[in-house]
Amino acid sequence: MKLKYNAPVTLTFSLICGVVLLLGTIIPGLRDGLFVAAGQGGFSFANPLSYLRLFSHIFGHADIGHLLSNLTFILLLGPILESLYGARNLIFMMLITAVATAVLNLILFPSGLLGASGIVFMMILLSSFTNFAKGEIPITFILVVVLFLGKEVIHALQANDISEFAHIIGGLFGSIFGFLQPTGTKGKAKLTGRQTAELN
């Protein structure tokens, strides 16, 4: 019996998040300098790091508790989604979700954005589309929307330091990806060039 690196995207993503958290505790300013997407007024068009942080914010986490709460879902759902949709498609979905949450946060909120919570909620909603066929709305999807996104909407009305908005946007993108690319019973979904363009 041997160990298998069974879900390269999921495991590599998780490893990077762990390394970033570790380095952030050793190197002062690393997290805020490279892994926090800007809020309103914080984006500099002349600074290349501003563009990098539109993607890199998903690797940064406030503390070990924040990281573990996200990795619990990512390590549970990521391998399933990677198997169903393929590694390239999952990377594409993660990048689109990362940029969308960062850009909308930049437009709408003054605070910065940090962490992979948007990716988590994208995966949660996307996973509810397992064995979904076009022309159908899975009851599991409806229940997940009510339970997960409904809770986030309620929490968004309360004062805290959590970006429920990123959770909601991540969930919406997971829903969009699920509707546009159902897995059906084929096992692994494959995006064609035309379908990839439609997702953009």
Foldseek 3Di string as FASTA:
>chain_A
DDDDPQQVLLVVLLVLLVVQQVVCVVDPPSCVQQQWAAAAPPADPVDPSNVNNLQRQASYDPHPVQSVVQSVQSVVQVSQQCQAANDVVLVVLSRVLSNVLSVVRRVPHRHIGHHNLLQSLLSQLLVQLAQPDAPDDRPSNVVCCCPPLVVLVVCVVPDDDDPSVSSNSSNVSSNVCCNLFHSRPVRYTYADPVSVVVSD
